[in-house]
C-alpha atoms as a PDB file:
ATOM      1  CA  MET A   1     101.321 111.398  89.143  1.00  0.00           C
ATOM      2  CA  ASN A   2     100.050 114.860  88.451  1.00  0.00           C
ATOM      3  CA  ALA A   3      98.057 116.394  91.255  1.00  0.00           C
ATOM      4  CA  THR A   4      96.251 119.082  89.294  1.00  0.00           C
ATOM      5  CA  ARG A   5      94.946 116.743  86.555  1.00  0.00           C
ATOM      6  CA  GLY A   6      91.623 116.474  88.446  1.00  0.00           C
ATOM      7  CA  ARG A   7      91.148 119.908  89.126  1.00  0.00           C
ATOM      8  CA  ASN A   8      91.751 121.247  85.629  1.00  0.00           C
ATOM      9  CA  ARG A   9      88.618 119.104  84.272  1.00  0.00           C
ATOM     10  CA  LYS A  10      85.392 120.743  83.771  1.00  0.00           C
ATOM     11  CA  PRO A  11      82.627 119.118  85.464  1.00  0.00           C
ATOM     12  CA  GLN A  12      80.083 117.091  83.395  1.00  0.00           C
ATOM     13  CA  TYR A  13      76.389 117.793  83.881  1.00  0.00           C
ATOM     14  CA  VAL A  14      73.287 115.600  83.490  1.00  0.00           C
ATOM     15  CA  GLN A  15      69.911 116.566  83.575  1.00  0.00           C
ATOM     16  CA  GLY A  16      67.711 115.923  86.991  1.00  0.00           C
ATOM     17  CA  VAL A  17      64.363 117.061  88.358  1.00  0.00           C
ATOM     18  CA  ILE A  18      63.600 118.683  91.501  1.00  0.00           C
ATOM     19  CA  THR A  19      60.291 118.797  93.271  1.00  0.00           C
ATOM     20  CA  LEU A  20      59.481 121.845  95.374  1.00  0.00           C
ATOM     21  CA  THR A  21      56.584 122.945  97.180  1.00  0.00           C
ATOM     22  CA  GLY A  22      54.615 126.090  97.795  1.00  0.00           C
ATOM     23  CA  VAL A  23      51.994 127.355  99.990  1.00  0.00           C
ATOM     24  CA  ALA A  24      49.873 130.414  99.596  1.00  0.00           C
ATOM     25  CA  PHE A  25      47.881 131.913 102.611  1.00  0.00           C
ATOM     26  CA  LYS A  26      45.926 134.986 103.363  1.00  0.00           C
ATOM     27  CA  GLU A  27      47.958 137.750 105.321  1.00  0.00           C
ATOM     28  CA  GLY A  28      46.247 141.061 105.909  1.00  0.00           C
ATOM     29  CA  ASP A  29      44.622 142.191 102.415  1.00  0.00           C
ATOM     30  CA  GLN A  30      46.905 139.940 100.224  1.00  0.00           C
ATOM     31  CA  TYR A  31      47.929 136.519  99.920  1.00  0.00           C
ATOM     32  CA  VAL A  32      51.731 135.569 100.610  1.00  0.00           C
ATOM     33  CA  SER A  33      53.295 132.351  98.874  1.00  0.00           C
ATOM     34  CA  ILE A  34      56.433 130.565  99.799  1.00  0.00           C
ATOM     35  CA  CYS A  35      58.720 127.965  98.859  1.00  0.00           C
ATOM     36  CA  ARG A  36      60.408 126.463 102.041  1.00  0.00           C
ATOM     37  CA  GLU A  37      62.737 124.392 100.284  1.00  0.00           C
ATOM     38  CA  LEU A  38      64.508 127.327  98.767  1.00  0.00           C
ATOM     39  CA  GLY A  39      63.524 130.182 101.243  1.00  0.00           C
ATOM     40  CA  THR A  40      61.759 131.941  98.143  1.00  0.00           C
ATOM     41  CA  ALA A  41      58.621 133.879  98.862  1.00  0.00           C
ATOM     42  CA  SER A  42      56.229 136.188  96.699  1.00  0.00           C
ATOM     43  CA  CYS A  43      52.841 137.605  96.956  1.00  0.00           C
ATOM     44  CA  GLY A  44      49.529 138.499  95.200  1.00  0.00           C
ATOM     45  CA  THR A  45      45.937 139.341  95.588  1.00  0.00           C
ATOM     46  CA  THR A  46      44.529 135.803  95.024  1.00  0.00           C
ATOM     47  CA  ALA A  47      46.243 132.576  96.536  1.00  0.00           C
ATOM     48  CA  GLU A  48      46.417 131.646  92.708  1.00  0.00           C
ATOM     49  CA  GLU A  49      48.221 134.642  91.739  1.00  0.00           C
ATOM     50  CA  ALA A  50      50.554 134.436  94.645  1.00  0.00           C
ATOM     51  CA  LEU A  51      51.528 130.907  93.552  1.00  0.00           C
ATOM     52  CA  ASN A  52      52.018 131.935  90.037  1.00  0.00           C
ATOM     53  CA  ASN A  53      54.310 134.694  91.307  1.00  0.00           C
ATOM     54  CA  LEU A  54      56.092 132.269  93.536  1.00  0.00           C
ATOM     55  CA  ALA A  55      56.669 130.037  90.184  1.00  0.00           C
ATOM     56  CA  ASP A  56      58.417 133.122  88.677  1.00  0.00           C
ATOM     57  CA  ALA A  57      60.539 133.829  91.950  1.00  0.00           C
ATOM     58  CA  ILE A  58      61.633 130.204  91.898  1.00  0.00           C
ATOM     59  CA  ASP A  59      62.721 130.247  88.170  1.00  0.00           C
ATOM     60  CA  VAL A  60      64.500 133.367  88.691  1.00  0.00           C
ATOM     61  CA  HIS A  61      66.249 132.025  91.878  1.00  0.00           C
ATOM     62  CA  LEU A  62      67.189 128.893  89.958  1.00  0.00           C
ATOM     63  CA  ASN A  63      68.234 130.324  86.776  1.00  0.00           C
ATOM     64  CA  GLY A  64      70.583 132.674  88.794  1.00  0.00           C
ATOM     65  CA  LEU A  65      72.119 129.416  90.425  1.00  0.00           C
ATOM     66  CA  GLU A  66      72.498 127.950  87.315  1.00  0.00           C
ATOM     67  CA  GLU A  67      74.264 130.903  85.816  1.00  0.00           C
ATOM     68  CA  THR A  68      76.731 131.213  88.540  1.00  0.00           C
ATOM     69  CA  GLY A  69      77.313 127.707  88.681  1.00  0.00           C
ATOM     70  CA  GLU A  70      76.183 127.262  92.200  1.00  0.00           C
ATOM     71  CA  ILE A  71      72.777 125.095  91.703  1.00  0.00           C
ATOM     72  CA  SER A  72      74.401 121.766  92.924  1.00  0.00           C
ATOM     73  CA  ARG A  73      75.887 123.174  95.733  1.00  0.00           C
ATOM     74  CA  VAL A  74      72.689 125.001  96.971  1.00  0.00           C
ATOM     75  CA  LEU A  75      70.588 121.800  96.449  1.00  0.00           C
ATOM     76  CA  ARG A  76      73.007 119.965  98.379  1.00  0.00           C
ATOM     77  CA  GLU A  77      73.065 122.198 101.087  1.00  0.00           C
ATOM     78  CA  LYS A  78      69.250 122.833 101.363  1.00  0.00           C
ATOM     79  CA  HIS A  79      68.981 118.947 101.354  1.00  0.00           C
ATOM     80  CA  ILE A  80      66.932 119.223  97.857  1.00  0.00           C
ATOM     81  CA  ARG A  81      66.647 116.022  96.387  1.00  0.00           C
ATOM     82  CA  VAL A  82      67.402 115.650  92.652  1.00  0.00           C
ATOM     83  CA  ASP A  83      65.902 112.793  91.026  1.00  0.00           C
ATOM     84  CA  MET A  84      67.343 111.325  87.925  1.00  0.00           C
ATOM     85  CA  PRO A  85      64.793 110.548  84.985  1.00  0.00           C
ATOM     86  CA  PRO A  86      65.052 106.877  83.669  1.00  0.00           C
ATOM     87  CA  ILE A  87      67.342 106.840  80.532  1.00  0.00           C
ATOM     88  CA  PRO A  88      66.355 107.452  77.648  1.00  0.00           C
ATOM     89  CA  ASN A  89      63.287 109.653  78.848  1.00  0.00           C
ATOM     90  CA  GLU A  90      63.868 113.061  79.315  1.00  0.00           C
ATOM     91  CA  PRO A  91      62.810 114.838  82.502  1.00  0.00           C
ATOM     92  CA  PRO A  92      59.331 116.533  82.603  1.00  0.00           C
ATOM     93  CA  ASP A  93      58.729 119.900  81.435  1.00  0.00           C
ATOM     94  CA  GLU A  94      58.130 122.467  84.208  1.00  0.00           C
ATOM     95  CA  GLN A  95      54.630 121.815  85.839  1.00  0.00           C
ATOM     96  CA  LEU A  96      52.422 123.454  88.499  1.00  0.00           C
ATOM     97  CA  VAL A  97      50.058 121.348  90.331  1.00  0.00           C
ATOM     98  CA  GLU A  98      47.664 123.226  92.950  1.00  0.00           C
ATOM     99  CA  VAL A  99      45.657 121.416  95.928  1.00  0.00           C
ATOM    100  CA  ARG A 100      43.310 123.245  98.315  1.00  0.00           C
ATOM    101  CA  PHE A 101      43.756 121.905 101.675  1.00  0.00           C
ATOM    102  CA  ALA A 102      42.142 124.535 103.959  1.00  0.00           C
ATOM    103  CA  PRO A 103      40.256 127.809 103.499  1.00  0.00           C
ATOM    104  CA  ASN A 104      42.186 130.904 102.604  1.00  0.00           C
ATOM    105  CA  SER A 105      45.373 128.746 101.514  1.00  0.00           C
ATOM    106  CA  LEU A 106      46.345 126.891  98.617  1.00  0.00           C
ATOM    107  CA  TYR A 107      49.452 124.585  98.286  1.00  0.00           C
ATOM    108  CA  SER A 108      51.416 123.567  95.062  1.00  0.00           C
ATOM    109  CA  ILE A 109      53.883 121.068  93.873  1.00  0.00           C
ATOM    110  CA  TYR A 110      56.356 122.525  91.255  1.00  0.00           C
ATOM    111  CA  GLN A 111      58.757 120.301  89.288  1.00  0.00           C
ATOM    112  CA  ARG A 112      61.898 121.732  87.281  1.00  0.00           C
ATOM    113  CA  PRO A 113      64.382 120.149  85.409  1.00  0.00           C
ATOM    114  CA  VAL A 114      67.769 121.218  86.735  1.00  0.00           C
ATOM    115  CA  PRO A 115      71.563 120.625  85.634  1.00  0.00           C
ATOM    116  CA  VAL A 116      73.602 118.644  88.213  1.00  0.00           C
ATOM    117  CA  ALA A 117      77.185 117.332  88.377  1.00  0.00           C
ATOM    118  CA  ALA A 118      77.410 113.812  87.138  1.00  0.00           C
ATOM    119  CA  PRO A 119      79.261 111.488  89.245  1.00  0.00           C
ATOM    120  CA  VAL A 120      83.033 110.818  88.081  1.00  0.00           C
END
C-alpha cells in the first residue's frame, strides 16, 4: 500500500453557509462593532455605520482565510458552525439583518457562503 497516496490528493470543497453575529455599541464619541465569533472589530459614527464597516471587515478576514486555505481550520478552531444547504439549492447571498435590543446598541446577523472541505 502506498502511504503517500492520500497526502497527494487535493481536498475537495463544497459550499456551506456560516452565520455570524455583530453588535455595535456606543463608546465615547463613536460606535464600536464586534463579531465575537471571529474576533473581528470595526467602528463608525453611528451604530449602522459601525455594523456596515464590520461587515466589510468580516469579508476581508474571511477572504484572506479563503485565499490562504485556512478557512476550514479557523472555523473549526473557533467552533463556528457551517450549515450545508439542501441540495440542489445554492447557499443564500450575503445578508445583513439588524435588530435593536437596547438603547445605543444594535445587533446584526451576518450570513455568508464559505467553501469547506468535503468529507472523503
